[in-house]
C-alpha atoms as a PDB file:
ATOM      1  CA  UNK A   1       5.872  -1.165 -16.247  1.00  0.00           C
ATOM      2  CA  UNK A   2       4.015  -2.557 -13.053  1.00  0.00           C
ATOM      3  CA  UNK A   3       6.373  -1.181  -9.330  1.00  0.00           C
ATOM      4  CA  UNK A   4       5.793  -3.468  -6.244  1.00  0.00           C
ATOM      5  CA  UNK A   5       5.589  -0.656  -3.281  1.00  0.00           C
ATOM      6  CA  UNK A   6       5.978  -2.442   0.370  1.00  0.00           C
ATOM      7  CA  UNK A   7       5.594  -1.167   3.259  1.00  0.00           C
ATOM      8  CA  UNK A   8       6.274  -1.653   6.783  1.00  0.00           C
ATOM      9  CA  UNK A   9       4.195  -0.287   9.817  1.00  0.00           C
ATOM     10  CA  UNK A  10       5.035   1.128  12.210  1.00  0.00           C
ATOM     11  CA  UNK A  11       3.609  -0.353  16.136  1.00  0.00           C
ATOM     12  CA  UNK A  12      -0.389  -0.623  16.910  1.00  0.00           C
ATOM     13  CA  UNK A  13      -1.097   1.719  14.110  1.00  0.00           C
ATOM     14  CA  UNK A  14      -4.206   0.316  13.415  1.00  0.00           C
ATOM     15  CA  UNK A  15      -6.090   3.502  14.225  1.00  0.00           C
ATOM     16  CA  UNK A  16      -3.560   5.307  12.133  1.00  0.00           C
ATOM     17  CA  UNK A  17      -5.089   3.198  10.093  1.00  0.00           C
ATOM     18  CA  UNK A  18      -8.672   3.758  10.646  1.00  0.00           C
ATOM     19  CA  UNK A  19      -8.427   7.462  10.998  1.00  0.00           C
ATOM     20  CA  UNK A  20      -6.398   7.746   7.096  1.00  0.00           C
ATOM     21  CA  UNK A  21      -7.998   4.598   5.467  1.00  0.00           C
ATOM     22  CA  UNK A  22     -10.473   6.452   3.013  1.00  0.00           C
ATOM     23  CA  UNK A  23      -8.073   8.133   1.761  1.00  0.00           C
ATOM     24  CA  UNK A  24      -5.818   5.489   1.067  1.00  0.00           C
ATOM     25  CA  UNK A  25      -8.557   3.875  -0.693  1.00  0.00           C
ATOM     26  CA  UNK A  26      -9.287   7.034  -2.951  1.00  0.00           C
ATOM     27  CA  UNK A  27      -6.265   6.647  -4.191  1.00  0.00           C
ATOM     28  CA  UNK A  28      -6.159   2.442  -4.589  1.00  0.00           C
ATOM     29  CA  UNK A  29      -9.525   3.199  -6.691  1.00  0.00           C
ATOM     30  CA  UNK A  30      -7.584   5.745  -8.869  1.00  0.00           C
ATOM     31  CA  UNK A  31      -5.285   3.409 -10.540  1.00  0.00           C
ATOM     32  CA  UNK A  32      -7.562   0.487 -10.900  1.00  0.00           C
ATOM     33  CA  UNK A  33     -10.623   3.039 -12.273  1.00  0.00           C
ATOM     34  CA  UNK A  34      -7.016   3.823 -14.663  1.00  0.00           C
ATOM     35  CA  UNK A  35      -6.619  -0.032 -15.177  1.00  0.00           C
ATOM     36  CA  UNK A  36      -3.172   0.540 -14.025  1.00  0.00           C
ATOM     37  CA  UNK A  37      -3.200  -1.723 -10.471  1.00  0.00           C
ATOM     38  CA  UNK A  38      -2.077  -5.274 -10.156  1.00  0.00           C
ATOM     39  CA  UNK A  39      -3.168  -5.442  -6.720  1.00  0.00           C
ATOM     40  CA  UNK A  40      -3.693  -4.146  -3.039  1.00  0.00           C
ATOM     41  CA  UNK A  41      -3.410  -4.991   0.575  1.00  0.00           C
ATOM     42  CA  UNK A  42      -2.549  -5.206   3.720  1.00  0.00           C
ATOM     43  CA  UNK A  43      -0.688  -7.344   5.572  1.00  0.00           C
ATOM     44  CA  UNK A  44      -2.422  -8.993   8.313  1.00  0.00           C
ATOM     45  CA  UNK A  45      -0.670  -8.742  12.346  1.00  0.00           C
ATOM     46  CA  UNK A  46      -1.823 -12.652  12.938  1.00  0.00           C
ATOM     47  CA  UNK A  47      -3.439 -15.316  10.523  1.00  0.00           C
ATOM     48  CA  UNK A  48      -6.421 -14.685   9.233  1.00  0.00           C
ATOM     49  CA  UNK A  49      -8.065 -12.643   6.613  1.00  0.00           C
ATOM     50  CA  UNK A  50      -9.927 -10.188   9.325  1.00  0.00           C
ATOM     51  CA  UNK A  51      -7.004  -9.362  12.198  1.00  0.00           C
ATOM     52  CA  UNK A  52      -9.916  -7.491  13.968  1.00  0.00           C
ATOM     53  CA  UNK A  53      -7.758  -5.280  16.511  1.00  0.00           C
ATOM     54  CA  UNK A  54      -3.976  -6.881  16.209  1.00  0.00           C
ATOM     55  CA  UNK A  55      -4.075  -4.177  12.924  1.00  0.00           C
ATOM     56  CA  UNK A  56      -2.118  -5.208   9.949  1.00  0.00           C
ATOM     57  CA  UNK A  57       1.914  -4.999   9.482  1.00  0.00           C
ATOM     58  CA  UNK A  58       1.818  -3.369   6.364  1.00  0.00           C
ATOM     59  CA  UNK A  59       0.546  -3.097   2.989  1.00  0.00           C
ATOM     60  CA  UNK A  60       1.491  -4.327  -0.489  1.00  0.00           C
ATOM     61  CA  UNK A  61       0.254  -2.254  -4.264  1.00  0.00           C
ATOM     62  CA  UNK A  62       1.650  -3.572  -7.377  1.00  0.00           C
ATOM     63  CA  UNK A  63       0.690  -0.643  -9.524  1.00  0.00           C
ATOM     64  CA  UNK A  64       1.837   0.461 -12.939  1.00  0.00           C
ATOM     65  CA  UNK A  65       3.858   3.562 -13.432  1.00  0.00           C
ATOM     66  CA  UNK A  66       5.412   5.123 -16.223  1.00  0.00           C
ATOM     67  CA  UNK A  67       8.794   4.892 -13.900  1.00  0.00           C
ATOM     68  CA  UNK A  68      10.331   4.526 -10.506  1.00  0.00           C
ATOM     69  CA  UNK A  69      10.156   8.232 -10.458  1.00  0.00           C
ATOM     70  CA  UNK A  70       6.670   8.465 -11.189  1.00  0.00           C
ATOM     71  CA  UNK A  71       5.938   5.314  -8.816  1.00  0.00           C
ATOM     72  CA  UNK A  72       8.592   6.669  -5.460  1.00  0.00           C
ATOM     73  CA  UNK A  73       6.821  10.026  -5.871  1.00  0.00           C
ATOM     74  CA  UNK A  74       3.187   8.101  -5.534  1.00  0.00           C
ATOM     75  CA  UNK A  75       3.795   6.399  -2.776  1.00  0.00           C
ATOM     76  CA  UNK A  76       5.603   9.253  -0.263  1.00  0.00           C
ATOM     77  CA  UNK A  77       2.109  10.731  -1.364  1.00  0.00           C
ATOM     78  CA  UNK A  78      -0.141   7.955   0.157  1.00  0.00           C
ATOM     79  CA  UNK A  79      -2.196   9.499   3.173  1.00  0.00           C
ATOM     80  CA  UNK A  80      -0.499   6.321   5.678  1.00  0.00           C
ATOM     81  CA  UNK A  81       2.414   8.394   5.109  1.00  0.00           C
ATOM     82  CA  UNK A  82       1.193  11.935   6.316  1.00  0.00           C
ATOM     83  CA  UNK A  83      -1.034   9.636   9.247  1.00  0.00           C
ATOM     84  CA  UNK A  84       1.936   8.157  10.080  1.00  0.00           C
ATOM     85  CA  UNK A  85       1.355   4.793   9.997  1.00  0.00           C
ATOM     86  CA  UNK A  86       4.569   2.993   7.912  1.00  0.00           C
ATOM     87  CA  UNK A  87       7.600   3.219   9.379  1.00  0.00           C
ATOM     88  CA  UNK A  88       9.739   2.013   6.313  1.00  0.00           C
ATOM     89  CA  UNK A  89       8.346   1.779   2.665  1.00  0.00           C
ATOM     90  CA  UNK A  90      10.146   0.664  -0.486  1.00  0.00           C
ATOM     91  CA  UNK A  91       9.655   0.617  -4.183  1.00  0.00           C
ATOM     92  CA  UNK A  92      10.920  -1.844  -6.549  1.00  0.00           C
ATOM     93  CA  UNK A  93       9.792  -2.992 -10.385  1.00  0.00           C
ATOM     94  CA  UNK A  94       8.129  -6.016 -10.228  1.00  0.00           C
ATOM     95  CA  UNK A  95       7.647  -8.512 -13.308  1.00  0.00           C
ATOM     96  CA  UNK A  96       4.844  -9.940 -13.176  1.00  0.00           C
ATOM     97  CA  UNK A  97       4.923 -13.748 -15.003  1.00  0.00           C
ATOM     98  CA  UNK A  98       1.722 -15.852 -13.492  1.00  0.00           C
ATOM     99  CA  UNK A  99      -0.510 -16.287 -13.985  1.00  0.00           C
END
């Protein structure tokens, strides 16, 4: 089943994001290579795809896991957690309807 991992950044998280980003992307690429990643990306802090120094306010990952517990464990092990990027993370079941 799919699960949505909805993360909210701390204020001024960009320097921390930049440091932890390679490890964060490695984990996402593993999900992608396993065919389990539906979508993933950050929420720009301003209304543009490249917010520059404004940075990001959080992230969304929707991926297939065996259970809510597995999705939560994966989210808890995110390098952005260890780096202090996220102040809050919610994991919820997700039902893909469209397209």
